[in-house]
Amino acid sequence: MKIGRAICLCFLLASLLTFLSLSPVLAQDEEAKIELTTSYYKLEIISGESASFIVELNYQGAEARIFDLEATGPTDWVTYITPAYSTGTQILDIRIEPPLPDETYSTERIAVNTAPGYGLMPEPGEYQITVEATSGEIKGTIQLTVVVTARYEMYLTTPDGLLSTTATAGKDNYFAVAVVNVGSAAIDDITFSTKKPRGWTVEFSQDKISSLEAGEFQTIDLNIKPPADTIAGDYEIILRASGNQASDSIDYIRVTVKTSAIWGWVGVGIIVLVIAGLAFIFMRFSRR
């Protein structure tokens, strides 16, 4: 009987000692947590560009843990996580060791990368990115913001892509150009200017475009008129379109000038007169 009581007492004592030895660990496990922080919660980009945030994962716990990582961005955006200094590798989780005895927490860094889908240019505004790190019941979350500003970009070209034309000296010669808004917001008060050979006249079908919306284009006709006495050959014209928010230019439009047909007949007449004059002189002196 006494032996049985002694055995039970020893068992209870051993259980108590085991519980006491494990209780600090259990307490520490219950206090395990992770916090996600960053130095910059908002980044500004031009519409169509990408952004990258550096996020710190500060872990406090008694044992090493593997945290699943997830980043969620706006619809039609590409959002993913990479190591902080190796952006070529996408990662889905990360192992974090417990802090050293003299540290409160241990820290790992990741990069959260996001960009609109290929060819997309979002409207100006704020776009939210949510990043989560989860290990069992432990979870940390951070909200990041991408501030998108308008992209102002204009493209000056020709409807057929050709940057050359022919012109007859002294005549009206028409040539079309296209002004294209390839940005994400309207461009206002677009005016035109040219650099042309001396004495030439270049007139536009309209002097100004009040506003050109994003994704739209407008065709403008030019009347290129070389002086009547222009020598046949190739000449160069520079065309520029300037708006309040953007500008572009065509730095080389080749104009091949042809002389008017009447000047050809005039030339023929002069040649005939010269030949006739020479024949008259030859016949007159030959009689002597």
C-alpha atoms as a PDB file:
ATOM      1  CA  MET A   1       0.000   0.000   0.000  1.00  0.00           C
ATOM      2  CA  LYS A   2       2.769   2.345   0.973  1.00  0.00           C
ATOM      3  CA  ILE A   3       4.681   1.393  -2.158  1.00  0.00           C
ATOM      4  CA  GLY A   4       1.677   2.228  -4.342  1.00  0.00           C
ATOM      5  CA  ARG A   5       1.296   5.612  -2.678  1.00  0.00           C
ATOM      6  CA  ALA A   6       4.971   6.297  -3.204  1.00  0.00           C
ATOM      7  CA  ILE A   7       4.718   5.429  -6.898  1.00  0.00           C
ATOM      8  CA  CYS A   8       1.699   7.701  -7.349  1.00  0.00           C
ATOM      9  CA  LEU A   9       3.473  10.521  -5.526  1.00  0.00           C
ATOM     10  CA  CYS A  10       6.545  10.140  -7.733  1.00  0.00           C
ATOM     11  CA  PHE A  11       4.352  10.154 -10.850  1.00  0.00           C
ATOM     12  CA  LEU A  12       2.544  13.322  -9.773  1.00  0.00           C
ATOM     13  CA  LEU A  13       5.841  14.999  -8.893  1.00  0.00           C
ATOM     14  CA  ALA A  14       7.331  14.113 -12.293  1.00  0.00           C
ATOM     15  CA  SER A  15       4.239  15.421 -14.093  1.00  0.00           C
ATOM     16  CA  LEU A  16       4.396  18.653 -12.143  1.00  0.00           C
ATOM     17  CA  LEU A  17       8.077  19.139 -12.948  1.00  0.00           C
ATOM     18  CA  THR A  18       7.415  18.428 -16.664  1.00  0.00           C
ATOM     19  CA  PHE A  19       4.565  20.952 -16.738  1.00  0.00           C
ATOM     20  CA  LEU A  20       6.672  23.560 -15.010  1.00  0.00           C
ATOM     21  CA  SER A  21       9.528  23.013 -17.452  1.00  0.00           C
ATOM     22  CA  LEU A  22       7.237  23.309 -20.493  1.00  0.00           C
ATOM     23  CA  SER A  23       5.095  26.199 -19.317  1.00  0.00           C
ATOM     24  CA  PRO A  24       7.611  28.935 -20.310  1.00  0.00           C
ATOM     25  CA  VAL A  25       7.784  27.490 -23.823  1.00  0.00           C
ATOM     26  CA  LEU A  26       4.013  27.321 -24.041  1.00  0.00           C
ATOM     27  CA  ALA A  27       3.788  30.889 -22.841  1.00  0.00           C
ATOM     28  CA  GLN A  28       6.368  31.988 -25.365  1.00  0.00           C
ATOM     29  CA  ASP A  29       4.525  30.161 -28.202  1.00  0.00           C
ATOM     30  CA  GLU A  30       1.315  31.885 -27.214  1.00  0.00           C
ATOM     31  CA  GLU A  31       3.135  35.241 -27.425  1.00  0.00           C
ATOM     32  CA  ALA A  32       4.681  34.542 -30.834  1.00  0.00           C
ATOM     33  CA  LYS A  33       3.784  37.231 -33.379  1.00  0.00           C
ATOM     34  CA  ILE A  34       4.894  38.857 -36.600  1.00  0.00           C
ATOM     35  CA  GLU A  35       4.653  42.493 -37.640  1.00  0.00           C
ATOM     36  CA  LEU A  36       5.036  43.838 -41.190  1.00  0.00           C
ATOM     37  CA  THR A  37       6.478  47.347 -41.552  1.00  0.00           C
ATOM     38  CA  THR A  38       7.997  49.537 -44.256  1.00  0.00           C
ATOM     39  CA  SER A  39       9.708  52.898 -44.470  1.00  0.00           C
ATOM     40  CA  TYR A  40       7.477  54.052 -47.340  1.00  0.00           C
ATOM     41  CA  TYR A  41       3.791  53.168 -47.319  1.00  0.00           C
ATOM     42  CA  LYS A  42       3.025  55.212 -50.448  1.00  0.00           C
ATOM     43  CA  LEU A  43       4.931  55.302 -53.741  1.00  0.00           C
ATOM     44  CA  GLU A  44       4.131  57.563 -56.681  1.00  0.00           C
ATOM     45  CA  ILE A  45       4.464  56.355 -60.267  1.00  0.00           C
ATOM     46  CA  ILE A  46       3.479  57.567 -63.726  1.00  0.00           C
ATOM     47  CA  SER A  47       0.620  55.601 -65.264  1.00  0.00           C
ATOM     48  CA  GLY A  48       1.937  52.423 -66.888  1.00  0.00           C
ATOM     49  CA  GLU A  49       5.072  52.164 -64.745  1.00  0.00           C
ATOM     50  CA  SER A  50       5.871  49.741 -61.896  1.00  0.00           C
ATOM     51  CA  ALA A  51       6.459  50.133 -58.154  1.00  0.00           C
ATOM     52  CA  SER A  52       8.508  48.158 -55.631  1.00  0.00           C
ATOM     53  CA  PHE A  53       8.156  48.312 -51.829  1.00  0.00           C
ATOM     54  CA  ILE A  54      10.689  46.966 -49.315  1.00  0.00           C
ATOM     55  CA  VAL A  55       8.789  45.324 -46.449  1.00  0.00           C
ATOM     56  CA  GLU A  56      10.303  44.134 -43.146  1.00  0.00           C
ATOM     57  CA  LEU A  57       8.953  41.025 -41.411  1.00  0.00           C
ATOM     58  CA  ASN A  58       9.661  41.394 -37.687  1.00  0.00           C
ATOM     59  CA  TYR A  59       9.158  38.047 -35.935  1.00  0.00           C
ATOM     60  CA  GLN A  60       8.991  37.404 -32.205  1.00  0.00           C
ATOM     61  CA  GLY A  61       8.805  33.768 -31.109  1.00  0.00           C
ATOM     62  CA  ALA A  62      10.619  30.841 -29.522  1.00  0.00           C
ATOM     63  CA  GLU A  63      11.144  28.698 -32.615  1.00  0.00           C
ATOM     64  CA  ALA A  64      11.870  29.062 -36.302  1.00  0.00           C
ATOM     65  CA  ARG A  65       8.795  29.315 -38.486  1.00  0.00           C
ATOM     66  CA  ILE A  66       7.958  29.244 -42.182  1.00  0.00           C
ATOM     67  CA  PHE A  67       5.583  32.009 -43.162  1.00  0.00           C
ATOM     68  CA  ASP A  68       3.404  31.811 -46.268  1.00  0.00           C
ATOM     69  CA  LEU A  69       3.503  35.066 -48.220  1.00  0.00           C
ATOM     70  CA  GLU A  70       0.718  36.586 -50.292  1.00  0.00           C
ATOM     71  CA  ALA A  71       0.428  39.951 -52.061  1.00  0.00           C
ATOM     72  CA  THR A  72      -2.852  41.130 -53.573  1.00  0.00           C
ATOM     73  CA  GLY A  73      -3.052  44.102 -55.924  1.00  0.00           C
ATOM     74  CA  PRO A  74      -5.722  45.787 -58.055  1.00  0.00           C
ATOM     75  CA  THR A  75      -7.528  43.892 -60.803  1.00  0.00           C
ATOM     76  CA  ASP A  76      -5.441  43.580 -63.993  1.00  0.00           C
ATOM     77  CA  TRP A  77      -2.227  44.399 -62.088  1.00  0.00           C
ATOM     78  CA  VAL A  78       0.668  41.970 -61.726  1.00  0.00           C
ATOM     79  CA  THR A  79       1.738  41.774 -58.068  1.00  0.00           C
ATOM     80  CA  TYR A  80       4.371  39.419 -56.659  1.00  0.00           C
ATOM     81  CA  ILE A  81       7.003  39.040 -53.917  1.00  0.00           C
ATOM     82  CA  THR A  82      10.755  38.577 -54.301  1.00  0.00           C
ATOM     83  CA  PRO A  83      13.751  38.646 -51.963  1.00  0.00           C
ATOM     84  CA  ALA A  84      14.644  42.226 -51.126  1.00  0.00           C
ATOM     85  CA  TYR A  85      17.837  42.260 -53.174  1.00  0.00           C
ATOM     86  CA  SER A  86      17.141  39.590 -55.797  1.00  0.00           C
ATOM     87  CA  THR A  87      14.103  40.725 -57.739  1.00  0.00           C
ATOM     88  CA  GLY A  88      14.449  38.040 -60.394  1.00  0.00           C
ATOM     89  CA  THR A  89      13.108  35.252 -58.142  1.00  0.00           C
ATOM     90  CA  GLN A  90       9.493  35.134 -57.004  1.00  0.00           C
ATOM     91  CA  ILE A  91       8.896  33.598 -53.570  1.00  0.00           C
ATOM     92  CA  LEU A  92       5.783  32.206 -51.860  1.00  0.00           C
ATOM     93  CA  ASP A  93       7.136  31.678 -48.344  1.00  0.00           C
ATOM     94  CA  ILE A  94      10.059  32.536 -46.093  1.00  0.00           C
ATOM     95  CA  ARG A  95      11.746  30.911 -43.076  1.00  0.00           C
ATOM     96  CA  ILE A  96      12.438  33.181 -40.135  1.00  0.00           C
ATOM     97  CA  GLU A  97      14.644  32.124 -37.239  1.00  0.00           C
ATOM     98  CA  PRO A  98      13.795  33.112 -33.637  1.00  0.00           C
ATOM     99  CA  PRO A  99      15.490  36.252 -32.322  1.00  0.00           C
ATOM    100  CA  LEU A 100      18.817  36.044 -30.551  1.00  0.00           C
ATOM    101  CA  PRO A 101      18.776  36.157 -26.728  1.00  0.00           C
ATOM    102  CA  ASP A 102      19.668  39.858 -26.664  1.00  0.00           C
ATOM    103  CA  GLU A 103      17.128  40.817 -29.392  1.00  0.00           C
ATOM    104  CA  THR A 104      13.401  41.455 -29.186  1.00  0.00           C
ATOM    105  CA  TYR A 105      12.646  40.117 -32.661  1.00  0.00           C
ATOM    106  CA  SER A 106      14.368  38.870 -35.804  1.00  0.00           C
ATOM    107  CA  THR A 107      13.897  40.603 -39.162  1.00  0.00           C
ATOM    108  CA  GLU A 108      13.728  39.488 -42.796  1.00  0.00           C
ATOM    109  CA  ARG A 109      13.154  41.783 -45.778  1.00  0.00           C
ATOM    110  CA  ILE A 110      11.135  41.166 -48.920  1.00  0.00           C
ATOM    111  CA  ALA A 111      10.302  43.224 -52.001  1.00  0.00           C
ATOM    112  CA  VAL A 112       6.685  43.653 -53.060  1.00  0.00           C
ATOM    113  CA  ASN A 113       6.527  44.411 -56.768  1.00  0.00           C
ATOM    114  CA  THR A 114       3.466  45.584 -58.666  1.00  0.00           C
ATOM    115  CA  ALA A 115       2.667  46.976 -62.113  1.00  0.00           C
ATOM    116  CA  PRO A 116      -0.364  47.345 -64.401  1.00  0.00           C
ATOM    117  CA  GLY A 117      -0.835  44.589 -66.961  1.00  0.00           C
ATOM    118  CA  TYR A 118       1.056  44.911 -70.240  1.00  0.00           C
ATOM    119  CA  GLY A 119      -0.100  47.915 -72.230  1.00  0.00           C
ATOM    120  CA  LEU A 120      -2.475  49.164 -69.519  1.00  0.00           C
ATOM    121  CA  MET A 121      -2.363  52.727 -68.229  1.00  0.00           C
ATOM    122  CA  PRO A 122      -4.575  53.123 -65.136  1.00  0.00           C
ATOM    123  CA  GLU A 123      -6.443  56.321 -64.412  1.00  0.00           C
ATOM    124  CA  PRO A 124      -4.769  58.669 -61.911  1.00  0.00           C
ATOM    125  CA  GLY A 125      -5.597  57.773 -58.317  1.00  0.00           C
ATOM    126  CA  GLU A 126      -4.605  55.600 -55.364  1.00  0.00           C
ATOM    127  CA  TYR A 127      -4.355  51.801 -55.698  1.00  0.00           C
ATOM    128  CA  GLN A 128      -4.084  49.479 -52.698  1.00  0.00           C
ATOM    129  CA  ILE A 129      -1.713  46.531 -52.222  1.00  0.00           C
ATOM    130  CA  THR A 130      -2.290  44.044 -49.361  1.00  0.00           C
ATOM    131  CA  VAL A 131       0.584  41.878 -48.112  1.00  0.00           C
ATOM    132  CA  GLU A 132       0.108  38.986 -45.676  1.00  0.00           C
ATOM    133  CA  ALA A 133       2.529  36.658 -43.856  1.00  0.00           C
ATOM    134  CA  THR A 134       0.925  33.609 -42.197  1.00  0.00           C
ATOM    135  CA  SER A 135       2.232  30.691 -40.105  1.00  0.00           C
ATOM    136  CA  GLY A 136      -0.497  28.692 -38.417  1.00  0.00           C
ATOM    137  CA  GLU A 137      -2.442  31.039 -36.204  1.00  0.00           C
ATOM    138  CA  ILE A 138       0.167  33.791 -36.482  1.00  0.00           C
ATOM    139  CA  LYS A 139      -0.579  36.391 -39.113  1.00  0.00           C
ATOM    140  CA  GLY A 140       0.732  39.825 -40.052  1.00  0.00           C
ATOM    141  CA  THR A 141      -0.730  42.239 -42.605  1.00  0.00           C
ATOM    142  CA  ILE A 142       0.317  45.529 -44.169  1.00  0.00           C
ATOM    143  CA  GLN A 143      -1.457  47.913 -46.551  1.00  0.00           C
ATOM    144  CA  LEU A 144       0.588  49.679 -49.222  1.00  0.00           C
ATOM    145  CA  THR A 145      -0.533  52.386 -51.638  1.00  0.00           C
ATOM    146  CA  VAL A 146       0.531  53.157 -55.194  1.00  0.00           C
ATOM    147  CA  VAL A 147      -0.296  56.715 -56.238  1.00  0.00           C
ATOM    148  CA  VAL A 148      -0.697  56.846 -60.019  1.00  0.00           C
ATOM    149  CA  THR A 149      -0.240  60.158 -61.830  1.00  0.00           C
ATOM    150  CA  ALA A 150      -1.233  60.855 -65.430  1.00  0.00           C
ATOM    151  CA  ARG A 151       1.085  59.999 -68.308  1.00  0.00           C
ATOM    152  CA  TYR A 152       1.270  62.790 -70.878  1.00  0.00           C
ATOM    153  CA  GLU A 153       2.711  61.536 -74.136  1.00  0.00           C
ATOM    154  CA  MET A 154       2.088  62.679 -77.688  1.00  0.00           C
ATOM    155  CA  TYR A 155       3.237  61.135 -80.957  1.00  0.00           C
ATOM    156  CA  LEU A 156       3.507  63.021 -84.234  1.00  0.00           C
ATOM    157  CA  THR A 157       3.561  60.873 -87.374  1.00  0.00           C
ATOM    158  CA  THR A 158       1.937  60.459 -90.796  1.00  0.00           C
ATOM    159  CA  PRO A 159      -1.127  58.316 -91.604  1.00  0.00           C
ATOM    160  CA  ASP A 160       0.921  55.985 -93.826  1.00  0.00           C
ATOM    161  CA  GLY A 161       4.187  56.234 -91.906  1.00  0.00           C
ATOM    162  CA  LEU A 162       6.029  57.837 -94.840  1.00  0.00           C
ATOM    163  CA  LEU A 163       8.077  60.953 -94.119  1.00  0.00           C
ATOM    164  CA  SER A 164       8.521  62.126 -97.696  1.00  0.00           C
ATOM    165  CA  THR A 165       6.450  63.865-100.334  1.00  0.00           C
ATOM    166  CA  THR A 166       6.742  65.606-103.697  1.00  0.00           C
ATOM    167  CA  ALA A 167       5.926  69.211-104.437  1.00  0.00           C
ATOM    168  CA  THR A 168       5.695  71.343-107.557  1.00  0.00           C
ATOM    169  CA  ALA A 169       7.389  74.735-107.344  1.00  0.00           C
ATOM    170  CA  GLY A 170       4.900  77.576-107.227  1.00  0.00           C
ATOM    171  CA  LYS A 171       1.920  75.238-106.647  1.00  0.00           C
ATOM    172  CA  ASP A 172      -0.171  74.078-103.683  1.00  0.00           C
ATOM    173  CA  ASN A 173       1.002  70.673-102.412  1.00  0.00           C
ATOM    174  CA  TYR A 174      -0.898  68.887 -99.639  1.00  0.00           C
ATOM    175  CA  PHE A 175       0.614  66.554 -97.042  1.00  0.00           C
ATOM    176  CA  ALA A 176      -1.137  64.946 -94.031  1.00  0.00           C
ATOM    177  CA  VAL A 177       0.208  64.368 -90.513  1.00  0.00           C
ATOM    178  CA  ALA A 178      -1.415  62.675 -87.519  1.00  0.00           C
ATOM    179  CA  VAL A 179      -1.273  63.816 -83.892  1.00  0.00           C
ATOM    180  CA  VAL A 180      -1.739  60.830 -81.546  1.00  0.00           C
ATOM    181  CA  ASN A 181      -2.295  60.964 -77.772  1.00  0.00           C
ATOM    182  CA  VAL A 182      -0.593  57.795 -76.453  1.00  0.00           C
ATOM    183  CA  GLY A 183      -0.795  58.904 -72.797  1.00  0.00           C
ATOM    184  CA  SER A 184      -3.455  58.410 -70.124  1.00  0.00           C
ATOM    185  CA  ALA A 185      -4.916  61.922 -69.963  1.00  0.00           C
ATOM    186  CA  ALA A 186      -5.992  64.689 -72.325  1.00  0.00           C
ATOM    187  CA  ILE A 187      -3.444  67.066 -73.864  1.00  0.00           C
ATOM    188  CA  ASP A 188      -4.661  70.645 -74.266  1.00  0.00           C
ATOM    189  CA  ASP A 189      -3.909  73.569 -76.567  1.00  0.00           C
ATOM    190  CA  ILE A 190      -1.818  71.806 -79.209  1.00  0.00           C
ATOM    191  CA  THR A 191      -0.214  74.211 -81.673  1.00  0.00           C
ATOM    192  CA  PHE A 192       2.040  73.654 -84.690  1.00  0.00           C
ATOM    193  CA  SER A 193       5.254  75.137 -85.984  1.00  0.00           C
ATOM    194  CA  THR A 194       7.714  74.369 -88.782  1.00  0.00           C
ATOM    195  CA  LYS A 195      11.268  74.983 -89.783  1.00  0.00           C
ATOM    196  CA  LYS A 196      11.382  75.264 -93.575  1.00  0.00           C
ATOM    197  CA  PRO A 197      13.613  76.562 -96.399  1.00  0.00           C
ATOM    198  CA  ARG A 198      13.712  80.319 -96.858  1.00  0.00           C
ATOM    199  CA  GLY A 199      10.846  81.698 -98.931  1.00  0.00           C
ATOM    200  CA  TRP A 200       8.672  78.587 -98.551  1.00  0.00           C
ATOM    201  CA  THR A 201       5.094  78.686 -97.260  1.00  0.00           C
ATOM    202  CA  VAL A 202       3.651  75.948 -95.026  1.00  0.00           C
ATOM    203  CA  GLU A 203       0.022  76.359 -93.970  1.00  0.00           C
ATOM    204  CA  PHE A 204      -2.008  74.121 -91.633  1.00  0.00           C
ATOM    205  CA  SER A 205      -5.640  73.157 -92.160  1.00  0.00           C
ATOM    206  CA  GLN A 206      -6.156  74.259 -88.544  1.00  0.00           C
ATOM    207  CA  ASP A 207      -3.857  76.250 -86.311  1.00  0.00           C
ATOM    208  CA  LYS A 208      -4.739  74.555 -83.020  1.00  0.00           C
ATOM    209  CA  ILE A 209      -6.257  71.465 -81.394  1.00  0.00           C
ATOM    210  CA  SER A 210      -8.084  72.587 -78.254  1.00  0.00           C
ATOM    211  CA  SER A 211      -7.945  69.180 -76.558  1.00  0.00           C
ATOM    212  CA  LEU A 212      -6.989  65.646 -77.585  1.00  0.00           C
ATOM    213  CA  GLU A 213      -8.248  62.869 -75.310  1.00  0.00           C
ATOM    214  CA  ALA A 214      -6.159  59.851 -74.310  1.00  0.00           C
ATOM    215  CA  GLY A 215      -6.077  57.190 -77.013  1.00  0.00           C
ATOM    216  CA  GLU A 216      -7.392  59.533 -79.712  1.00  0.00           C
ATOM    217  CA  PHE A 217      -5.723  60.997 -82.803  1.00  0.00           C
ATOM    218  CA  GLN A 218      -6.421  63.811 -85.249  1.00  0.00           C
ATOM    219  CA  THR A 219      -5.221  64.326 -88.811  1.00  0.00           C
ATOM    220  CA  ILE A 220      -3.975  67.726 -89.939  1.00  0.00           C
ATOM    221  CA  ASP A 221      -3.330  68.735 -93.570  1.00  0.00           C
ATOM    222  CA  LEU A 222      -0.322  70.834 -94.543  1.00  0.00           C
ATOM    223  CA  ASN A 223      -0.119  72.936 -97.707  1.00  0.00           C
ATOM    224  CA  ILE A 224       3.543  73.034 -98.699  1.00  0.00           C
ATOM    225  CA  LYS A 225       4.285  75.680-101.327  1.00  0.00           C
ATOM    226  CA  PRO A 226       7.850  76.218-102.575  1.00  0.00           C
ATOM    227  CA  PRO A 227       8.519  79.473-104.477  1.00  0.00           C
ATOM    228  CA  ALA A 228       8.030  79.319-108.258  1.00  0.00           C
ATOM    229  CA  ASP A 229      11.762  79.734-108.881  1.00  0.00           C
ATOM    230  CA  THR A 230      12.792  76.845-106.591  1.00  0.00           C
ATOM    231  CA  ILE A 231      15.424  74.620-108.179  1.00  0.00           C
ATOM    232  CA  ALA A 232      14.399  70.972-108.537  1.00  0.00           C
ATOM    233  CA  GLY A 233      15.825  68.731-105.813  1.00  0.00           C
ATOM    234  CA  ASP A 234      15.313  67.422-102.272  1.00  0.00           C
ATOM    235  CA  TYR A 235      14.575  69.757 -99.354  1.00  0.00           C
ATOM    236  CA  GLU A 236      13.936  69.276 -95.627  1.00  0.00           C
ATOM    237  CA  ILE A 237      11.089  70.426 -93.378  1.00  0.00           C
ATOM    238  CA  ILE A 238      10.914  70.035 -89.576  1.00  0.00           C
ATOM    239  CA  LEU A 239       7.456  69.865 -87.999  1.00  0.00           C
ATOM    240  CA  ARG A 240       6.637  70.277 -84.289  1.00  0.00           C
ATOM    241  CA  ALA A 241       3.413  69.918 -82.264  1.00  0.00           C
ATOM    242  CA  SER A 242       3.376  71.468 -78.773  1.00  0.00           C
ATOM    243  CA  GLY A 243       0.659  71.075 -76.126  1.00  0.00           C
ATOM    244  CA  ASN A 244       0.400  72.251 -72.537  1.00  0.00           C
ATOM    245  CA  GLN A 245       1.421  68.848 -71.187  1.00  0.00           C
ATOM    246  CA  ALA A 246       3.492  67.227 -73.962  1.00  0.00           C
ATOM    247  CA  SER A 247       5.110  67.790 -77.345  1.00  0.00           C
ATOM    248  CA  ASP A 248       6.695  65.884 -80.203  1.00  0.00           C
ATOM    249  CA  SER A 249       8.316  66.589 -83.549  1.00  0.00           C
ATOM    250  CA  ILE A 250       9.134  65.077 -86.926  1.00  0.00           C
ATOM    251  CA  ASP A 251      12.725  66.073 -87.445  1.00  0.00           C
ATOM    252  CA  TYR A 252      12.921  65.201 -91.112  1.00  0.00           C
ATOM    253  CA  ILE A 253      10.277  65.425 -93.841  1.00  0.00           C
ATOM    254  CA  ARG A 254      11.878  65.148 -97.263  1.00  0.00           C
ATOM    255  CA  VAL A 255      10.227  67.259 -99.955  1.00  0.00           C
ATOM    256  CA  THR A 256      11.245  66.467-103.532  1.00  0.00           C
ATOM    257  CA  VAL A 257      10.588  69.583-105.626  1.00  0.00           C
ATOM    258  CA  LYS A 258       9.693  69.333-109.280  1.00  0.00           C
ATOM    259  CA  THR A 259       9.575  72.388-111.509  1.00  0.00           C
ATOM    260  CA  SER A 260       6.305  73.307-113.208  1.00  0.00           C
ATOM    261  CA  ALA A 261       5.734  71.903-116.743  1.00  0.00           C
ATOM    262  CA  ILE A 262       5.499  75.423-118.138  1.00  0.00           C
ATOM    263  CA  TRP A 263       9.126  75.980-117.214  1.00  0.00           C
ATOM    264  CA  GLY A 264       9.986  72.880-119.150  1.00  0.00           C
ATOM    265  CA  TRP A 265       8.354  74.312-122.253  1.00  0.00           C
ATOM    266  CA  VAL A 266      10.080  77.607-121.634  1.00  0.00           C
ATOM    267  CA  GLY A 267      13.378  75.746-121.526  1.00  0.00           C
ATOM    268  CA  VAL A 268      12.572  73.952-124.754  1.00  0.00           C
ATOM    269  CA  GLY A 269      11.667  77.282-126.380  1.00  0.00           C
ATOM    270  CA  ILE A 270      14.948  78.819-125.290  1.00  0.00           C
ATOM    271  CA  ILE A 271      16.867  75.884-126.704  1.00  0.00           C
ATOM    272  CA  VAL A 272      14.979  76.187-130.011  1.00  0.00           C
ATOM    273  CA  LEU A 273      15.715  79.902-130.174  1.00  0.00           C
ATOM    274  CA  VAL A 274      19.382  79.338-129.497  1.00  0.00           C
ATOM    275  CA  ILE A 275      19.614  76.662-132.180  1.00  0.00           C
ATOM    276  CA  ALA A 276      17.746  78.874-134.653  1.00  0.00           C
ATOM    277  CA  GLY A 277      20.041  81.783-133.882  1.00  0.00           C
ATOM    278  CA  LEU A 278      23.132  79.684-134.391  1.00  0.00           C
ATOM    279  CA  ALA A 279      21.757  78.351-137.699  1.00  0.00           C
ATOM    280  CA  PHE A 280      21.006  81.879-138.910  1.00  0.00           C
ATOM    281  CA  ILE A 281      24.500  83.069-138.036  1.00  0.00           C
ATOM    282  CA  PHE A 282      26.070  80.001-139.664  1.00  0.00           C
ATOM    283  CA  MET A 283      24.076  80.450-142.908  1.00  0.00           C
ATOM    284  CA  ARG A 284      24.807  84.188-143.083  1.00  0.00           C
ATOM    285  CA  PHE A 285      28.530  83.823-142.705  1.00  0.00           C
ATOM    286  CA  SER A 286      28.704  80.777-144.970  1.00  0.00           C
ATOM    287  CA  ARG A 287      27.377  82.854-147.906  1.00  0.00           C
ATOM    288  CA  ARG A 288      30.325  85.179-147.622  1.00  0.00           C
END
